[in-house]
N, C-alpha and C. Protein backbone atom coordinates (compact mmCIF):
# COMPACT_ATOMS: atom_id res chain seq x y z
N UNK A 1 4.74 6.18 -5.45
CA UNK A 1 3.60 5.87 -4.63
C UNK A 1 3.81 6.40 -3.21
N UNK A 2 4.97 6.15 -2.67
CA UNK A 2 5.26 6.60 -1.31
C UNK A 2 5.19 8.11 -1.16
N UNK A 3 5.54 8.83 -2.22
CA UNK A 3 5.52 10.30 -2.16
C UNK A 3 4.10 10.82 -1.94
N UNK A 4 3.11 10.15 -2.50
CA UNK A 4 1.73 10.59 -2.30
C UNK A 4 1.31 10.44 -0.84
N UNK A 5 1.75 9.36 -0.21
CA UNK A 5 1.45 9.19 1.22
C UNK A 5 2.27 10.14 2.07
N UNK A 6 3.53 10.33 1.70
CA UNK A 6 4.43 11.21 2.45
C UNK A 6 3.89 12.64 2.48
N UNK A 7 3.24 13.05 1.41
CA UNK A 7 2.66 14.38 1.32
C UNK A 7 1.52 14.56 2.33
N UNK A 8 0.85 13.47 2.68
CA UNK A 8 -0.36 13.56 3.50
C UNK A 8 -0.23 13.03 4.93
N UNK A 9 0.71 12.09 5.15
CA UNK A 9 0.80 11.40 6.44
C UNK A 9 2.25 11.16 6.83
N UNK A 10 2.53 10.93 8.12
CA UNK A 10 3.84 10.41 8.51
C UNK A 10 3.97 8.99 7.92
N UNK A 11 5.08 8.71 7.25
CA UNK A 11 5.24 7.42 6.59
C UNK A 11 6.48 6.69 7.09
N UNK A 12 6.44 5.36 6.93
CA UNK A 12 7.52 4.49 7.40
C UNK A 12 7.71 3.35 6.41
N UNK A 13 8.83 2.66 6.54
CA UNK A 13 9.13 1.47 5.75
C UNK A 13 9.28 0.33 6.74
N UNK A 14 8.68 -0.82 6.47
CA UNK A 14 8.77 -1.97 7.36
C UNK A 14 9.57 -3.07 6.68
N UNK A 15 10.59 -3.55 7.35
CA UNK A 15 11.36 -4.68 6.85
C UNK A 15 11.49 -5.66 8.01
N UNK A 16 10.63 -6.65 8.04
CA UNK A 16 10.66 -7.66 9.09
C UNK A 16 10.59 -9.02 8.41
N UNK A 17 9.54 -9.76 8.65
CA UNK A 17 9.34 -11.05 7.98
C UNK A 17 8.60 -10.80 6.67
N UNK A 18 9.21 -10.10 5.78
CA UNK A 18 8.58 -9.69 4.53
C UNK A 18 8.37 -8.20 4.57
N UNK A 19 8.74 -7.53 3.53
CA UNK A 19 8.68 -6.07 3.53
C UNK A 19 7.29 -5.55 3.21
N UNK A 20 7.07 -4.31 3.54
CA UNK A 20 5.87 -3.57 3.17
C UNK A 20 6.36 -2.31 2.49
N UNK A 21 5.78 -1.96 1.34
CA UNK A 21 6.27 -0.82 0.56
C UNK A 21 6.20 0.49 1.32
N UNK A 22 5.08 0.75 1.96
CA UNK A 22 4.94 1.98 2.75
C UNK A 22 3.94 1.71 3.87
N UNK A 23 4.20 2.32 4.99
CA UNK A 23 3.24 2.29 6.10
C UNK A 23 3.03 3.73 6.52
N UNK A 24 1.79 4.10 6.72
CA UNK A 24 1.50 5.47 7.13
C UNK A 24 0.63 5.47 8.38
N UNK A 25 0.66 6.57 9.09
CA UNK A 25 -0.13 6.73 10.29
C UNK A 25 -1.14 7.85 10.06
N UNK A 26 -2.41 7.51 10.18
CA UNK A 26 -3.50 8.49 10.07
C UNK A 26 -4.20 8.51 11.41
N UNK A 27 -4.16 9.66 12.06
CA UNK A 27 -4.69 9.74 13.42
C UNK A 27 -3.81 8.90 14.33
N UNK A 28 -4.38 7.88 14.92
CA UNK A 28 -3.61 6.97 15.78
C UNK A 28 -3.58 5.57 15.19
N UNK A 29 -3.89 5.46 13.89
CA UNK A 29 -3.98 4.16 13.25
C UNK A 29 -2.86 3.96 12.25
N UNK A 30 -2.25 2.79 12.31
CA UNK A 30 -1.14 2.38 11.45
C UNK A 30 -1.71 1.63 10.25
N UNK A 31 -1.29 2.01 9.03
CA UNK A 31 -1.81 1.41 7.80
C UNK A 31 -0.66 0.93 6.91
N UNK A 32 -0.39 -0.37 6.85
CA UNK A 32 0.61 -0.88 5.92
C UNK A 32 0.02 -1.03 4.51
N UNK A 33 0.81 -0.66 3.50
CA UNK A 33 0.37 -0.71 2.11
C UNK A 33 1.44 -1.41 1.27
N UNK A 34 1.02 -2.34 0.44
CA UNK A 34 1.93 -3.05 -0.46
C UNK A 34 1.42 -2.87 -1.89
N UNK A 35 2.31 -2.60 -2.82
CA UNK A 35 1.97 -2.46 -4.23
C UNK A 35 2.52 -3.66 -4.98
N UNK A 36 1.65 -4.37 -5.68
CA UNK A 36 2.04 -5.53 -6.49
C UNK A 36 1.39 -5.38 -7.86
N UNK A 37 2.18 -5.01 -8.85
CA UNK A 37 1.65 -4.88 -10.20
C UNK A 37 2.02 -6.13 -10.98
N UNK A 38 1.30 -7.20 -10.69
CA UNK A 38 1.53 -8.48 -11.34
C UNK A 38 0.19 -9.18 -11.49
N UNK A 39 0.12 -10.08 -12.43
CA UNK A 39 -1.12 -10.81 -12.66
C UNK A 39 -1.43 -11.82 -11.57
N UNK A 40 -0.41 -12.24 -10.83
CA UNK A 40 -0.62 -13.24 -9.79
C UNK A 40 0.12 -12.82 -8.52
N UNK A 41 -0.61 -12.53 -7.49
CA UNK A 41 -0.02 -12.16 -6.20
C UNK A 41 0.11 -13.43 -5.37
N UNK A 42 1.31 -13.69 -4.88
CA UNK A 42 1.56 -14.90 -4.09
C UNK A 42 1.22 -14.65 -2.62
N UNK A 43 0.63 -15.63 -1.99
CA UNK A 43 0.26 -15.53 -0.58
C UNK A 43 1.46 -15.20 0.29
N UNK A 44 2.62 -15.78 -0.02
CA UNK A 44 3.81 -15.54 0.81
C UNK A 44 4.25 -14.08 0.73
N UNK A 45 3.92 -13.38 -0.35
CA UNK A 45 4.27 -11.96 -0.47
C UNK A 45 3.40 -11.07 0.43
N UNK A 46 2.33 -11.63 0.96
CA UNK A 46 1.41 -10.86 1.79
C UNK A 46 1.56 -11.17 3.27
N UNK A 47 2.61 -11.89 3.62
CA UNK A 47 2.81 -12.35 5.00
C UNK A 47 2.76 -11.20 6.01
N UNK A 48 3.47 -10.13 5.75
CA UNK A 48 3.50 -9.00 6.68
C UNK A 48 2.16 -8.28 6.71
N UNK A 49 1.52 -8.15 5.56
CA UNK A 49 0.22 -7.46 5.50
C UNK A 49 -0.85 -8.20 6.29
N UNK A 50 -0.80 -9.52 6.27
CA UNK A 50 -1.82 -10.33 6.94
C UNK A 50 -1.77 -10.19 8.46
N UNK A 51 -0.71 -9.62 8.99
CA UNK A 51 -0.59 -9.41 10.43
C UNK A 51 -1.42 -8.22 10.92
N UNK A 52 -1.86 -7.37 10.01
CA UNK A 52 -2.56 -6.14 10.37
C UNK A 52 -3.94 -6.12 9.71
N UNK A 53 -4.96 -5.87 10.49
CA UNK A 53 -6.33 -5.90 9.96
C UNK A 53 -6.64 -4.75 9.01
N UNK A 54 -5.88 -3.67 9.09
CA UNK A 54 -6.15 -2.51 8.24
C UNK A 54 -5.12 -2.36 7.12
N UNK A 55 -4.52 -3.48 6.71
CA UNK A 55 -3.57 -3.47 5.59
C UNK A 55 -4.29 -3.26 4.28
N UNK A 56 -3.55 -2.77 3.30
CA UNK A 56 -4.11 -2.56 1.97
C UNK A 56 -3.12 -3.03 0.92
N UNK A 57 -3.61 -3.83 0.00
CA UNK A 57 -2.84 -4.26 -1.16
C UNK A 57 -3.34 -3.47 -2.36
N UNK A 58 -2.42 -2.88 -3.11
CA UNK A 58 -2.77 -2.17 -4.34
C UNK A 58 -2.22 -3.00 -5.49
N UNK A 59 -3.10 -3.42 -6.40
CA UNK A 59 -2.67 -4.33 -7.46
C UNK A 59 -3.48 -4.09 -8.73
N UNK A 60 -3.23 -4.92 -9.73
CA UNK A 60 -4.00 -4.82 -10.96
C UNK A 60 -5.26 -5.67 -10.92
N UNK A 61 -5.47 -6.35 -9.81
CA UNK A 61 -6.66 -7.18 -9.64
C UNK A 61 -7.87 -6.32 -9.27
N UNK A 62 -9.04 -6.74 -9.72
CA UNK A 62 -10.28 -6.04 -9.39
C UNK A 62 -10.98 -6.67 -8.19
N UNK A 63 -10.39 -7.72 -7.60
CA UNK A 63 -10.96 -8.38 -6.43
C UNK A 63 -10.92 -7.46 -5.22
N UNK A 64 -11.89 -7.59 -4.33
CA UNK A 64 -11.91 -6.79 -3.11
C UNK A 64 -10.90 -7.28 -2.08
N UNK A 65 -10.63 -8.58 -2.07
CA UNK A 65 -9.63 -9.15 -1.16
C UNK A 65 -8.80 -10.18 -1.90
N UNK A 66 -7.57 -10.32 -1.46
CA UNK A 66 -6.67 -11.36 -1.97
C UNK A 66 -6.01 -11.99 -0.76
N UNK A 67 -6.22 -13.28 -0.58
CA UNK A 67 -5.66 -14.03 0.55
C UNK A 67 -5.98 -13.36 1.88
N UNK A 68 -7.18 -12.83 2.02
CA UNK A 68 -7.61 -12.23 3.26
C UNK A 68 -7.16 -10.79 3.48
N UNK A 69 -6.50 -10.20 2.50
CA UNK A 69 -6.02 -8.82 2.60
C UNK A 69 -6.87 -7.93 1.70
N UNK A 70 -7.30 -6.79 2.21
CA UNK A 70 -8.08 -5.84 1.40
C UNK A 70 -7.26 -5.43 0.18
N UNK A 71 -7.90 -5.42 -0.97
CA UNK A 71 -7.23 -5.07 -2.22
C UNK A 71 -7.99 -3.96 -2.92
N UNK A 72 -7.23 -3.08 -3.56
CA UNK A 72 -7.83 -2.04 -4.38
C UNK A 72 -7.06 -1.96 -5.70
N UNK A 73 -7.79 -1.74 -6.77
CA UNK A 73 -7.20 -1.58 -8.10
C UNK A 73 -6.31 -0.33 -8.07
N UNK A 74 -5.02 -0.49 -8.35
CA UNK A 74 -4.04 0.58 -8.19
C UNK A 74 -4.40 1.87 -8.94
N UNK A 75 -4.76 1.83 -10.23
CA UNK A 75 -5.09 3.10 -10.90
C UNK A 75 -6.26 3.84 -10.24
N UNK A 76 -7.26 3.12 -9.77
CA UNK A 76 -8.39 3.75 -9.09
C UNK A 76 -7.93 4.40 -7.78
N UNK A 77 -7.08 3.72 -7.05
CA UNK A 77 -6.55 4.27 -5.79
C UNK A 77 -5.79 5.57 -6.04
N UNK A 78 -4.97 5.59 -7.09
CA UNK A 78 -4.20 6.80 -7.42
C UNK A 78 -5.13 7.95 -7.78
N UNK A 79 -6.19 7.67 -8.52
CA UNK A 79 -7.16 8.72 -8.86
C UNK A 79 -7.83 9.27 -7.61
N UNK A 80 -8.16 8.40 -6.68
CA UNK A 80 -8.80 8.84 -5.43
C UNK A 80 -7.87 9.70 -4.58
N UNK A 81 -6.57 9.44 -4.66
CA UNK A 81 -5.61 10.21 -3.86
C UNK A 81 -5.40 11.61 -4.42
N UNK A 82 -5.70 11.81 -5.69
CA UNK A 82 -5.50 13.13 -6.29
C UNK A 82 -4.14 13.25 -6.94
N UNK A 83 -3.79 14.46 -7.39
CA UNK A 83 -2.54 14.67 -8.12
C UNK A 83 -1.32 14.38 -7.25
N UNK A 84 -0.28 13.91 -7.91
CA UNK A 84 0.99 13.63 -7.22
C UNK A 84 1.65 14.94 -6.83
N UNK A 85 2.40 14.94 -5.74
CA UNK A 85 3.11 16.16 -5.34
C UNK A 85 4.22 16.49 -6.33
N UNK A 86 4.55 17.75 -6.43
CA UNK A 86 5.65 18.17 -7.29
C UNK A 86 6.96 17.85 -6.58
N UNK A 87 7.81 17.09 -7.22
CA UNK A 87 9.11 16.76 -6.66
C UNK A 87 10.19 17.39 -7.54
N UNK A 88 10.91 18.38 -7.04
CA UNK A 88 11.93 19.04 -7.86
C UNK A 88 13.08 18.09 -8.20
N UNK A 89 13.64 18.26 -9.37
CA UNK A 89 14.79 17.47 -9.80
C UNK A 89 16.04 18.15 -9.30
N UNK A 90 16.88 17.39 -8.60
CA UNK A 90 18.11 17.97 -8.03
C UNK A 90 19.26 17.84 -9.00
C-alpha cells in the first residue's frame, strides 16, 4: 500500500500515540492513512487519525465514516489509485 503512495507523493511513517501506516504530503497538505482489514475497527486504533481532519481509513467496511474518521472501502481505493508500481526483486 505504501508503495503506491511513495510512487506519487513524499511519504512518511508516524509513530506517536498510536501508529499510522503511511502519511503523505500532497501540495502543502498532510494526509495520514491507516489500513485496517478487519470486520471490527476499534476506536482506540484510530486515536492518531482522529487528530487530523484529513485522515483516511481504508478498510473492508462500506461506511463513509468510522468513529469520526473518513473511511473508504480498500479495494475501491486501490482501483482508483491505478496499477501498482513495478518493484524489482533484489
